[in-house]
Amino acid sequence: MGTNYYMCPFCETIFSRPLPNDNMVGGGFEEERNTNQNGIREERLLHLIELMGLPKNAPILDFGCGHGLLMLYLIENGFDCDGYDKYNPKFDYFEIGKKYNIITMVEVVEHISYPFEEIDVIRDMLAPNGVLYVETSFVDVAKEEKIPLDDFFYINPEVGHSTIFSHLGLDILMLTKGFRPLEHFNRNARIFQKLNT
C-alpha cells in the first residue's frame, strides 16, 4: 500500500514511518467494537480493581478514547472515568496533575509512531503502583494463527497502524519505562504496573 514496514530482528516488533492519524478518531467499527466488548472490558477492569485492592470509584483514564464510547459506558456503570484523545477536539485535553489508578489503551498503541514519548506521558499520569491496560493485536497472533505477515490485517497504513508490537517488544518497552508486566488476560489484552523507583 505504498508504505515500508520494518521488523526488529530481536523482538520482531513491526513498525513504519509515522502515519497520519488525525482522521482516524475512533477507528473503523468503533461502535460495533465497543458494543461487543465493553461488558468484557468492564469485567477485566473490575478484576484489575480487585487485584489492586482499589475501590470501584478509583479514577480511570481511557487514553485514545476516540468518541468516548468506552468512557461513557464505564461512567454509566458507576466508574470514575475520563477520556483523552489528541485527535478529537472534544477530548483533546486532560487535567494537569490528576493521577489515575488505571489507564486503558484500547486499539491505540498500534497508531503510535513514537511510543517512548507516549508511554512517558501515561506514566506521569498514573498514580503510584497504577496499572496500564493495553488492548491491541500483536505480531504473536499472526504467528500463532500461522498467518503470513503479508496477509496480517493489522499491518495496514490505511488505518494508521504504524507499530505492531510483539509481546516481547511491548514488554521490553514497558520495562525500560518503569513498568512490570502483570499476569495478562489473554494474547490481546495485557496489563502493566507502574514501579515506584
N, C-alpha and C. Protein backbone atom coordinates (compact mmCIF):
# COMPACT_ATOMS: atom_id res chain seq x y z
N MET A 1 0.82 -1.21 0.00
CA MET A 1 0.00 0.00 0.00
C MET A 1 0.86 1.26 0.00
N GLY A 2 2.09 1.13 -0.49
CA GLY A 2 2.96 2.29 -0.60
C GLY A 2 3.71 2.65 0.66
N THR A 3 3.70 1.80 1.67
CA THR A 3 4.40 2.07 2.93
C THR A 3 5.32 0.90 3.25
N ASN A 4 6.57 1.21 3.58
CA ASN A 4 7.51 0.17 4.01
C ASN A 4 7.36 -0.08 5.50
N TYR A 5 7.27 -1.34 5.87
CA TYR A 5 7.30 -1.75 7.27
C TYR A 5 8.62 -2.48 7.53
N TYR A 6 9.09 -2.36 8.75
CA TYR A 6 10.36 -2.97 9.15
C TYR A 6 10.11 -3.83 10.38
N MET A 7 10.97 -4.83 10.57
CA MET A 7 10.84 -5.70 11.74
C MET A 7 12.13 -5.69 12.53
N CYS A 8 12.02 -5.51 13.83
CA CYS A 8 13.18 -5.62 14.71
C CYS A 8 13.62 -7.08 14.70
N PRO A 9 14.89 -7.37 14.40
CA PRO A 9 15.34 -8.76 14.34
C PRO A 9 15.38 -9.43 15.72
N PHE A 10 15.38 -8.64 16.79
CA PHE A 10 15.44 -9.22 18.13
C PHE A 10 14.05 -9.54 18.68
N CYS A 11 13.16 -8.52 18.71
CA CYS A 11 11.85 -8.73 19.35
C CYS A 11 10.73 -8.95 18.34
N GLU A 12 10.98 -8.72 17.06
CA GLU A 12 10.03 -8.93 15.97
C GLU A 12 8.87 -7.94 15.96
N THR A 13 8.99 -6.82 16.68
CA THR A 13 8.01 -5.75 16.55
C THR A 13 8.12 -5.17 15.14
N ILE A 14 6.98 -4.84 14.56
CA ILE A 14 6.92 -4.30 13.20
C ILE A 14 6.57 -2.82 13.29
N PHE A 15 7.23 -2.00 12.46
CA PHE A 15 6.97 -0.56 12.53
C PHE A 15 7.20 0.08 11.16
N SER A 16 6.62 1.26 11.00
CA SER A 16 6.79 2.03 9.77
C SER A 16 7.15 3.46 10.14
N ARG A 17 7.30 4.28 9.13
CA ARG A 17 7.44 5.71 9.39
C ARG A 17 6.14 6.20 10.04
N PRO A 18 6.14 7.40 10.63
CA PRO A 18 4.89 7.93 11.20
C PRO A 18 3.81 8.04 10.13
N LEU A 19 2.60 7.68 10.51
CA LEU A 19 1.46 7.72 9.60
C LEU A 19 0.44 8.73 10.11
N PRO A 20 -0.30 9.37 9.21
CA PRO A 20 -1.31 10.32 9.67
C PRO A 20 -2.43 9.59 10.42
N ASN A 21 -2.84 10.17 11.55
CA ASN A 21 -3.90 9.58 12.36
C ASN A 21 -5.00 10.57 12.70
N ASP A 22 -4.86 11.82 12.23
CA ASP A 22 -5.85 12.82 12.62
C ASP A 22 -7.24 12.53 12.06
N ASN A 23 -7.33 11.69 11.04
CA ASN A 23 -8.64 11.33 10.50
C ASN A 23 -9.06 9.92 10.91
N MET A 24 -8.44 9.38 11.96
CA MET A 24 -8.70 8.01 12.39
C MET A 24 -9.43 7.94 13.73
N VAL A 25 -10.02 9.04 14.18
CA VAL A 25 -10.63 9.07 15.52
C VAL A 25 -11.64 7.94 15.64
N GLY A 26 -11.45 7.12 16.63
CA GLY A 26 -12.35 6.00 16.87
C GLY A 26 -12.06 4.77 16.04
N GLY A 27 -11.33 4.94 14.94
CA GLY A 27 -11.00 3.80 14.09
C GLY A 27 -12.24 3.20 13.43
N GLY A 28 -12.03 2.19 12.65
CA GLY A 28 -13.15 1.52 11.99
C GLY A 28 -13.94 0.68 12.97
N PHE A 29 -15.23 0.64 12.80
CA PHE A 29 -16.11 -0.21 13.59
C PHE A 29 -16.08 0.10 15.08
N GLU A 30 -15.83 1.38 15.46
CA GLU A 30 -15.72 1.72 16.89
C GLU A 30 -17.00 1.36 17.64
N GLU A 31 -18.14 1.74 17.08
CA GLU A 31 -19.39 1.48 17.79
C GLU A 31 -19.64 -0.02 17.94
N GLU A 32 -19.45 -0.77 16.86
CA GLU A 32 -19.64 -2.22 16.91
C GLU A 32 -18.66 -2.86 17.89
N ARG A 33 -17.40 -2.43 17.83
CA ARG A 33 -16.37 -2.99 18.71
C ARG A 33 -16.71 -2.74 20.17
N ASN A 34 -17.15 -1.50 20.48
CA ASN A 34 -17.48 -1.18 21.86
C ASN A 34 -18.75 -1.90 22.32
N THR A 35 -19.72 -2.02 21.44
CA THR A 35 -20.95 -2.73 21.79
C THR A 35 -20.65 -4.17 22.15
N ASN A 36 -19.79 -4.80 21.38
CA ASN A 36 -19.47 -6.22 21.59
C ASN A 36 -18.51 -6.46 22.75
N GLN A 37 -17.66 -5.49 23.08
CA GLN A 37 -16.56 -5.72 24.01
C GLN A 37 -16.67 -5.01 25.35
N ASN A 38 -17.52 -4.00 25.49
CA ASN A 38 -17.49 -3.21 26.72
C ASN A 38 -17.79 -4.02 27.96
N GLY A 39 -18.73 -4.96 27.89
CA GLY A 39 -19.01 -5.80 29.06
C GLY A 39 -17.80 -6.63 29.46
N ILE A 40 -17.06 -7.12 28.46
CA ILE A 40 -15.85 -7.89 28.73
C ILE A 40 -14.79 -6.98 29.36
N ARG A 41 -14.65 -5.76 28.82
CA ARG A 41 -13.66 -4.83 29.37
C ARG A 41 -14.03 -4.44 30.80
N GLU A 42 -15.32 -4.23 31.06
CA GLU A 42 -15.75 -3.91 32.43
C GLU A 42 -15.37 -5.03 33.38
N GLU A 43 -15.59 -6.26 32.96
CA GLU A 43 -15.23 -7.41 33.78
C GLU A 43 -13.72 -7.42 34.06
N ARG A 44 -12.93 -7.13 33.03
CA ARG A 44 -11.48 -7.10 33.21
C ARG A 44 -11.07 -5.97 34.16
N LEU A 45 -11.70 -4.80 34.00
CA LEU A 45 -11.36 -3.67 34.87
C LEU A 45 -11.77 -3.96 36.32
N LEU A 46 -12.91 -4.59 36.52
CA LEU A 46 -13.31 -4.97 37.88
C LEU A 46 -12.31 -5.95 38.47
N HIS A 47 -11.83 -6.88 37.65
CA HIS A 47 -10.79 -7.82 38.11
C HIS A 47 -9.51 -7.06 38.48
N LEU A 48 -9.13 -6.09 37.66
CA LEU A 48 -7.95 -5.28 37.95
C LEU A 48 -8.12 -4.51 39.25
N ILE A 49 -9.28 -3.89 39.43
CA ILE A 49 -9.57 -3.10 40.63
C ILE A 49 -9.48 -4.00 41.87
N GLU A 50 -10.04 -5.20 41.77
CA GLU A 50 -9.99 -6.15 42.87
C GLU A 50 -8.54 -6.59 43.12
N LEU A 51 -7.82 -6.89 42.05
CA LEU A 51 -6.43 -7.32 42.15
C LEU A 51 -5.57 -6.27 42.84
N MET A 52 -5.83 -4.99 42.53
CA MET A 52 -5.02 -3.90 43.09
C MET A 52 -5.55 -3.42 44.44
N GLY A 53 -6.67 -3.97 44.89
CA GLY A 53 -7.25 -3.54 46.16
C GLY A 53 -7.78 -2.12 46.12
N LEU A 54 -8.34 -1.71 44.98
CA LEU A 54 -8.85 -0.35 44.80
C LEU A 54 -10.36 -0.31 44.97
N PRO A 55 -10.90 0.84 45.34
CA PRO A 55 -12.36 0.98 45.34
C PRO A 55 -12.86 1.05 43.90
N LYS A 56 -14.15 0.70 43.69
CA LYS A 56 -14.69 0.71 42.32
C LYS A 56 -14.63 2.10 41.71
N ASN A 57 -14.64 3.14 42.54
CA ASN A 57 -14.60 4.51 42.00
C ASN A 57 -13.17 5.03 41.83
N ALA A 58 -12.19 4.11 41.79
CA ALA A 58 -10.81 4.52 41.52
C ALA A 58 -10.76 5.21 40.16
N PRO A 59 -10.05 6.34 40.04
CA PRO A 59 -10.03 7.08 38.77
C PRO A 59 -9.40 6.28 37.62
N ILE A 60 -10.10 6.28 36.49
CA ILE A 60 -9.66 5.60 35.28
C ILE A 60 -9.58 6.63 34.16
N LEU A 61 -8.57 6.51 33.31
CA LEU A 61 -8.46 7.34 32.11
C LEU A 61 -8.45 6.42 30.89
N ASP A 62 -9.34 6.69 29.93
CA ASP A 62 -9.29 5.98 28.65
C ASP A 62 -8.47 6.82 27.71
N PHE A 63 -7.21 6.42 27.49
CA PHE A 63 -6.24 7.18 26.70
C PHE A 63 -6.39 6.77 25.23
N GLY A 64 -6.72 7.75 24.39
CA GLY A 64 -7.04 7.44 22.99
C GLY A 64 -8.49 6.99 22.90
N CYS A 65 -9.38 7.76 23.53
CA CYS A 65 -10.77 7.33 23.73
C CYS A 65 -11.65 7.43 22.50
N GLY A 66 -11.14 7.98 21.39
CA GLY A 66 -11.97 8.09 20.18
C GLY A 66 -13.14 9.01 20.42
N HIS A 67 -14.35 8.48 20.31
CA HIS A 67 -15.56 9.26 20.54
C HIS A 67 -16.09 9.09 21.96
N GLY A 68 -15.31 8.43 22.81
CA GLY A 68 -15.66 8.33 24.23
C GLY A 68 -16.65 7.25 24.58
N LEU A 69 -16.84 6.26 23.72
CA LEU A 69 -17.86 5.25 23.96
C LEU A 69 -17.54 4.37 25.17
N LEU A 70 -16.29 3.94 25.30
CA LEU A 70 -15.91 3.14 26.47
C LEU A 70 -16.03 3.98 27.73
N MET A 71 -15.56 5.22 27.69
CA MET A 71 -15.65 6.11 28.84
C MET A 71 -17.10 6.26 29.29
N LEU A 72 -18.00 6.55 28.36
CA LEU A 72 -19.42 6.74 28.70
C LEU A 72 -20.02 5.45 29.27
N TYR A 73 -19.65 4.32 28.70
CA TYR A 73 -20.14 3.04 29.21
C TYR A 73 -19.69 2.84 30.66
N LEU A 74 -18.43 3.14 30.93
CA LEU A 74 -17.91 2.95 32.29
C LEU A 74 -18.58 3.91 33.27
N ILE A 75 -18.78 5.15 32.87
CA ILE A 75 -19.46 6.12 33.73
C ILE A 75 -20.88 5.64 34.04
N GLU A 76 -21.58 5.17 33.02
CA GLU A 76 -22.96 4.68 33.20
C GLU A 76 -23.00 3.48 34.15
N ASN A 77 -21.89 2.77 34.28
CA ASN A 77 -21.83 1.60 35.15
C ASN A 77 -21.11 1.87 36.46
N GLY A 78 -21.02 3.15 36.84
CA GLY A 78 -20.56 3.52 38.17
C GLY A 78 -19.07 3.75 38.33
N PHE A 79 -18.30 3.80 37.23
CA PHE A 79 -16.88 4.05 37.32
C PHE A 79 -16.59 5.55 37.23
N ASP A 80 -15.48 5.97 37.81
CA ASP A 80 -14.99 7.35 37.68
C ASP A 80 -14.00 7.35 36.52
N CYS A 81 -14.46 7.78 35.35
CA CYS A 81 -13.65 7.64 34.14
C CYS A 81 -13.60 8.93 33.35
N ASP A 82 -12.41 9.31 32.91
CA ASP A 82 -12.19 10.43 31.98
C ASP A 82 -11.71 9.85 30.66
N GLY A 83 -11.80 10.67 29.61
CA GLY A 83 -11.31 10.27 28.30
C GLY A 83 -10.36 11.30 27.73
N TYR A 84 -9.35 10.83 27.00
CA TYR A 84 -8.41 11.72 26.32
C TYR A 84 -8.14 11.17 24.93
N ASP A 85 -8.22 12.05 23.92
CA ASP A 85 -7.85 11.68 22.56
C ASP A 85 -7.36 12.93 21.86
N LYS A 86 -6.07 12.96 21.51
CA LYS A 86 -5.50 14.18 20.94
C LYS A 86 -6.04 14.51 19.56
N TYR A 87 -6.74 13.57 18.93
CA TYR A 87 -7.30 13.83 17.60
C TYR A 87 -8.78 14.18 17.63
N ASN A 88 -9.39 14.18 18.80
CA ASN A 88 -10.80 14.55 18.93
C ASN A 88 -10.89 15.82 19.78
N PRO A 89 -11.28 16.96 19.19
CA PRO A 89 -11.33 18.22 19.94
C PRO A 89 -12.18 18.15 21.21
N LYS A 90 -13.13 17.24 21.24
CA LYS A 90 -13.98 17.09 22.43
C LYS A 90 -13.20 16.51 23.61
N PHE A 91 -12.13 15.77 23.30
CA PHE A 91 -11.38 15.09 24.36
C PHE A 91 -9.88 15.35 24.29
N ASP A 92 -9.45 16.44 23.66
CA ASP A 92 -8.01 16.66 23.44
C ASP A 92 -7.35 17.43 24.59
N TYR A 93 -7.80 17.20 25.79
CA TYR A 93 -7.20 17.85 26.97
C TYR A 93 -7.31 16.89 28.15
N PHE A 94 -6.49 17.11 29.14
CA PHE A 94 -6.63 16.37 30.39
C PHE A 94 -6.24 17.29 31.52
N GLU A 95 -6.70 16.96 32.69
CA GLU A 95 -6.46 17.78 33.88
C GLU A 95 -5.01 17.61 34.32
N ILE A 96 -4.25 18.68 34.24
CA ILE A 96 -2.83 18.63 34.64
C ILE A 96 -2.73 18.25 36.11
N GLY A 97 -1.90 17.28 36.39
CA GLY A 97 -1.66 16.87 37.78
C GLY A 97 -2.59 15.80 38.29
N LYS A 98 -3.70 15.53 37.60
CA LYS A 98 -4.61 14.48 38.06
C LYS A 98 -3.94 13.12 37.86
N LYS A 99 -4.08 12.27 38.85
CA LYS A 99 -3.48 10.93 38.78
C LYS A 99 -4.58 9.88 38.67
N TYR A 100 -4.30 8.85 37.89
CA TYR A 100 -5.25 7.78 37.66
C TYR A 100 -4.69 6.47 38.19
N ASN A 101 -5.57 5.64 38.74
CA ASN A 101 -5.15 4.32 39.19
C ASN A 101 -5.05 3.34 38.03
N ILE A 102 -5.90 3.55 37.00
CA ILE A 102 -5.88 2.68 35.83
C ILE A 102 -5.97 3.56 34.59
N ILE A 103 -5.14 3.27 33.60
CA ILE A 103 -5.24 3.90 32.29
C ILE A 103 -5.44 2.79 31.27
N THR A 104 -6.45 2.96 30.42
CA THR A 104 -6.71 1.99 29.36
C THR A 104 -6.24 2.56 28.03
N MET A 105 -5.70 1.69 27.19
CA MET A 105 -5.35 2.00 25.79
C MET A 105 -5.94 0.89 24.94
N VAL A 106 -7.13 1.13 24.42
CA VAL A 106 -7.83 0.11 23.64
C VAL A 106 -7.72 0.45 22.16
N GLU A 107 -7.04 -0.41 21.41
CA GLU A 107 -6.82 -0.19 19.98
C GLU A 107 -6.17 1.18 19.74
N VAL A 108 -5.11 1.45 20.50
CA VAL A 108 -4.41 2.75 20.42
C VAL A 108 -2.93 2.57 20.12
N VAL A 109 -2.27 1.64 20.80
CA VAL A 109 -0.81 1.56 20.75
C VAL A 109 -0.30 1.30 19.33
N GLU A 110 -1.11 0.67 18.50
CA GLU A 110 -0.68 0.39 17.12
C GLU A 110 -0.63 1.65 16.26
N HIS A 111 -1.25 2.73 16.74
CA HIS A 111 -1.26 4.00 16.00
C HIS A 111 -0.09 4.91 16.38
N ILE A 112 0.67 4.52 17.39
CA ILE A 112 1.72 5.39 17.93
C ILE A 112 3.03 5.16 17.19
N SER A 113 3.58 6.26 16.66
CA SER A 113 4.86 6.18 15.95
C SER A 113 6.05 6.35 16.88
N TYR A 114 5.84 7.07 17.98
CA TYR A 114 6.92 7.33 18.95
C TYR A 114 6.47 6.85 20.32
N PRO A 115 6.39 5.52 20.52
CA PRO A 115 5.82 5.02 21.77
C PRO A 115 6.59 5.42 23.01
N PHE A 116 7.90 5.70 22.90
CA PHE A 116 8.65 6.11 24.07
C PHE A 116 8.06 7.39 24.66
N GLU A 117 7.69 8.34 23.82
CA GLU A 117 7.14 9.62 24.29
C GLU A 117 5.76 9.42 24.89
N GLU A 118 4.90 8.66 24.23
CA GLU A 118 3.53 8.46 24.72
C GLU A 118 3.54 7.73 26.07
N ILE A 119 4.37 6.73 26.21
CA ILE A 119 4.41 5.98 27.47
C ILE A 119 4.92 6.86 28.61
N ASP A 120 5.82 7.80 28.32
CA ASP A 120 6.25 8.76 29.34
C ASP A 120 5.07 9.57 29.85
N VAL A 121 4.24 10.05 28.94
CA VAL A 121 3.05 10.84 29.31
C VAL A 121 2.13 9.99 30.18
N ILE A 122 1.88 8.77 29.77
CA ILE A 122 1.00 7.87 30.52
C ILE A 122 1.58 7.58 31.90
N ARG A 123 2.87 7.31 31.96
CA ARG A 123 3.49 7.01 33.26
C ARG A 123 3.33 8.17 34.22
N ASP A 124 3.49 9.40 33.72
CA ASP A 124 3.35 10.57 34.57
C ASP A 124 1.92 10.76 35.08
N MET A 125 0.94 10.25 34.34
CA MET A 125 -0.46 10.40 34.73
C MET A 125 -0.93 9.31 35.68
N LEU A 126 -0.15 8.24 35.81
CA LEU A 126 -0.54 7.14 36.69
C LEU A 126 -0.16 7.44 38.14
N ALA A 127 -1.05 7.07 39.05
CA ALA A 127 -0.76 7.15 40.48
C ALA A 127 0.30 6.11 40.83
N PRO A 128 0.93 6.23 42.00
CA PRO A 128 1.88 5.20 42.43
C PRO A 128 1.24 3.81 42.36
N ASN A 129 1.96 2.87 41.78
CA ASN A 129 1.50 1.49 41.58
C ASN A 129 0.32 1.38 40.61
N GLY A 130 0.05 2.44 39.84
CA GLY A 130 -1.05 2.42 38.88
C GLY A 130 -0.83 1.39 37.79
N VAL A 131 -1.91 1.06 37.08
CA VAL A 131 -1.89 -0.02 36.10
C VAL A 131 -2.28 0.51 34.72
N LEU A 132 -1.55 0.05 33.70
CA LEU A 132 -1.87 0.34 32.31
C LEU A 132 -2.43 -0.91 31.67
N TYR A 133 -3.62 -0.78 31.08
CA TYR A 133 -4.30 -1.88 30.38
C TYR A 133 -4.17 -1.60 28.88
N VAL A 134 -3.53 -2.50 28.14
CA VAL A 134 -3.30 -2.33 26.70
C VAL A 134 -4.03 -3.43 25.96
N GLU A 135 -4.88 -3.02 25.00
CA GLU A 135 -5.59 -3.99 24.17
C GLU A 135 -5.27 -3.68 22.71
N THR A 136 -4.72 -4.66 22.00
CA THR A 136 -4.34 -4.49 20.60
C THR A 136 -4.14 -5.88 20.02
N SER A 137 -3.79 -5.95 18.76
CA SER A 137 -3.40 -7.23 18.17
C SER A 137 -1.88 -7.23 18.02
N PHE A 138 -1.26 -8.34 18.28
CA PHE A 138 0.19 -8.45 18.30
C PHE A 138 0.69 -9.32 17.16
N VAL A 139 1.96 -9.13 16.82
CA VAL A 139 2.62 -9.98 15.83
C VAL A 139 2.47 -11.45 16.21
N ASP A 140 2.50 -11.72 17.51
CA ASP A 140 2.39 -13.10 18.01
C ASP A 140 1.10 -13.77 17.53
N VAL A 141 0.03 -12.97 17.39
CA VAL A 141 -1.25 -13.53 16.95
C VAL A 141 -1.11 -14.10 15.55
N ALA A 142 -0.47 -13.35 14.67
CA ALA A 142 -0.25 -13.84 13.31
C ALA A 142 0.56 -15.14 13.33
N LYS A 143 1.59 -15.19 14.17
CA LYS A 143 2.42 -16.40 14.25
C LYS A 143 1.62 -17.59 14.78
N GLU A 144 0.82 -17.36 15.83
CA GLU A 144 0.01 -18.44 16.40
C GLU A 144 -1.01 -18.97 15.41
N GLU A 145 -1.58 -18.05 14.64
CA GLU A 145 -2.61 -18.44 13.67
C GLU A 145 -2.02 -18.87 12.32
N LYS A 146 -0.68 -18.82 12.24
CA LYS A 146 0.04 -19.17 11.00
C LYS A 146 -0.42 -18.30 9.82
N ILE A 147 -0.61 -17.00 10.10
CA ILE A 147 -0.98 -16.03 9.07
C ILE A 147 0.30 -15.40 8.55
N PRO A 148 0.59 -15.50 7.25
CA PRO A 148 1.77 -14.81 6.72
C PRO A 148 1.65 -13.30 7.00
N LEU A 149 2.76 -12.67 7.35
CA LEU A 149 2.70 -11.25 7.69
C LEU A 149 2.18 -10.41 6.52
N ASP A 150 2.43 -10.84 5.29
CA ASP A 150 1.88 -10.12 4.14
C ASP A 150 0.36 -10.10 4.15
N ASP A 151 -0.25 -11.07 4.82
CA ASP A 151 -1.71 -11.16 4.87
C ASP A 151 -2.29 -10.75 6.22
N PHE A 152 -1.45 -10.33 7.17
CA PHE A 152 -1.94 -9.98 8.51
C PHE A 152 -2.65 -8.63 8.44
N PHE A 153 -3.95 -8.65 8.72
CA PHE A 153 -4.80 -7.47 8.52
C PHE A 153 -4.35 -6.27 9.36
N TYR A 154 -3.62 -6.51 10.44
CA TYR A 154 -3.25 -5.41 11.33
C TYR A 154 -2.14 -4.54 10.76
N ILE A 155 -1.36 -5.08 9.84
CA ILE A 155 -0.30 -4.30 9.20
C ILE A 155 -0.95 -3.54 8.05
N ASN A 156 -1.40 -2.31 8.34
CA ASN A 156 -2.21 -1.59 7.37
C ASN A 156 -2.06 -0.09 7.54
N PRO A 157 -1.33 0.57 6.63
CA PRO A 157 -1.15 2.02 6.75
C PRO A 157 -2.44 2.80 6.53
N GLU A 158 -3.40 2.23 5.82
CA GLU A 158 -4.63 2.95 5.53
C GLU A 158 -5.45 3.23 6.78
N VAL A 159 -5.25 2.45 7.84
CA VAL A 159 -5.96 2.70 9.09
C VAL A 159 -5.02 3.27 10.16
N GLY A 160 -3.83 3.70 9.74
CA GLY A 160 -2.90 4.37 10.65
C GLY A 160 -2.12 3.47 11.57
N HIS A 161 -2.00 2.19 11.25
CA HIS A 161 -1.25 1.26 12.10
C HIS A 161 0.24 1.34 11.75
N SER A 162 1.00 2.01 12.60
CA SER A 162 2.42 2.19 12.31
C SER A 162 3.33 1.33 13.19
N THR A 163 2.83 0.82 14.31
CA THR A 163 3.65 -0.01 15.20
C THR A 163 2.83 -1.21 15.66
N ILE A 164 3.20 -2.39 15.20
CA ILE A 164 2.53 -3.61 15.64
C ILE A 164 3.54 -4.35 16.51
N PHE A 165 3.30 -4.29 17.80
CA PHE A 165 4.23 -4.87 18.76
C PHE A 165 4.16 -6.39 18.76
N SER A 166 5.26 -7.00 19.16
CA SER A 166 5.25 -8.38 19.63
C SER A 166 5.05 -8.30 21.14
N HIS A 167 4.69 -9.41 21.76
CA HIS A 167 4.58 -9.41 23.22
C HIS A 167 5.92 -9.02 23.84
N LEU A 168 7.01 -9.60 23.32
CA LEU A 168 8.34 -9.29 23.85
C LEU A 168 8.67 -7.82 23.65
N GLY A 169 8.37 -7.28 22.48
CA GLY A 169 8.68 -5.88 22.20
C GLY A 169 7.98 -4.93 23.15
N LEU A 170 6.69 -5.18 23.41
CA LEU A 170 5.95 -4.31 24.33
C LEU A 170 6.47 -4.49 25.76
N ASP A 171 6.78 -5.72 26.15
CA ASP A 171 7.34 -5.95 27.49
C ASP A 171 8.66 -5.19 27.67
N ILE A 172 9.52 -5.23 26.65
CA ILE A 172 10.81 -4.52 26.74
C ILE A 172 10.58 -3.02 26.88
N LEU A 173 9.70 -2.47 26.05
CA LEU A 173 9.40 -1.04 26.14
C LEU A 173 8.90 -0.69 27.53
N MET A 174 7.96 -1.46 28.04
CA MET A 174 7.37 -1.13 29.35
C MET A 174 8.40 -1.28 30.47
N LEU A 175 9.26 -2.28 30.39
CA LEU A 175 10.30 -2.44 31.41
C LEU A 175 11.26 -1.24 31.40
N THR A 176 11.63 -0.76 30.21
CA THR A 176 12.53 0.39 30.14
C THR A 176 11.86 1.66 30.63
N LYS A 177 10.54 1.69 30.65
CA LYS A 177 9.79 2.86 31.09
C LYS A 177 9.33 2.76 32.55
N GLY A 178 9.80 1.76 33.26
CA GLY A 178 9.49 1.67 34.68
C GLY A 178 8.19 0.97 35.01
N PHE A 179 7.83 -0.02 34.20
CA PHE A 179 6.64 -0.84 34.45
C PHE A 179 7.06 -2.29 34.60
N ARG A 180 6.21 -3.07 35.23
CA ARG A 180 6.42 -4.52 35.25
C ARG A 180 5.16 -5.19 34.71
N PRO A 181 5.34 -6.23 33.90
CA PRO A 181 4.17 -6.96 33.40
C PRO A 181 3.48 -7.69 34.54
N LEU A 182 2.16 -7.62 34.56
CA LEU A 182 1.37 -8.43 35.48
C LEU A 182 0.86 -9.64 34.69
N GLU A 183 0.08 -10.49 35.33
CA GLU A 183 -0.48 -11.64 34.62
C GLU A 183 -1.47 -11.11 33.58
N HIS A 184 -1.22 -11.41 32.31
CA HIS A 184 -2.03 -10.85 31.24
C HIS A 184 -3.34 -11.62 31.09
N PHE A 185 -4.38 -10.91 30.61
CA PHE A 185 -5.69 -11.53 30.43
C PHE A 185 -5.70 -12.53 29.28
N ASN A 186 -5.13 -12.15 28.16
CA ASN A 186 -5.09 -13.03 27.00
C ASN A 186 -4.06 -12.48 26.02
N ARG A 187 -4.00 -13.02 24.83
CA ARG A 187 -2.96 -12.62 23.88
C ARG A 187 -3.17 -11.22 23.32
N ASN A 188 -4.34 -10.62 23.52
CA ASN A 188 -4.61 -9.27 23.01
C ASN A 188 -4.80 -8.23 24.11
N ALA A 189 -4.93 -8.65 25.36
CA ALA A 189 -5.16 -7.71 26.46
C ALA A 189 -4.09 -7.93 27.51
N ARG A 190 -3.22 -6.93 27.66
CA ARG A 190 -2.06 -7.07 28.52
C ARG A 190 -2.02 -5.93 29.54
N ILE A 191 -1.50 -6.23 30.73
CA ILE A 191 -1.51 -5.24 31.81
C ILE A 191 -0.11 -5.08 32.40
N PHE A 192 0.18 -3.83 32.78
CA PHE A 192 1.49 -3.46 33.30
C PHE A 192 1.29 -2.54 34.51
N GLN A 193 2.12 -2.74 35.54
CA GLN A 193 2.04 -1.91 36.74
C GLN A 193 3.23 -0.98 36.79
N LYS A 194 2.94 0.28 37.10
CA LYS A 194 3.98 1.29 37.26
C LYS A 194 4.80 0.95 38.51
N LEU A 195 6.11 0.94 38.36
CA LEU A 195 7.01 0.74 39.50
C LEU A 195 7.37 2.10 40.09
N ASN A 196 7.49 2.15 41.37
CA ASN A 196 7.87 3.41 42.02
C ASN A 196 9.31 3.32 42.46
N THR A 197 10.21 3.72 41.54
CA THR A 197 11.63 3.62 41.82
C THR A 197 12.23 5.01 41.92
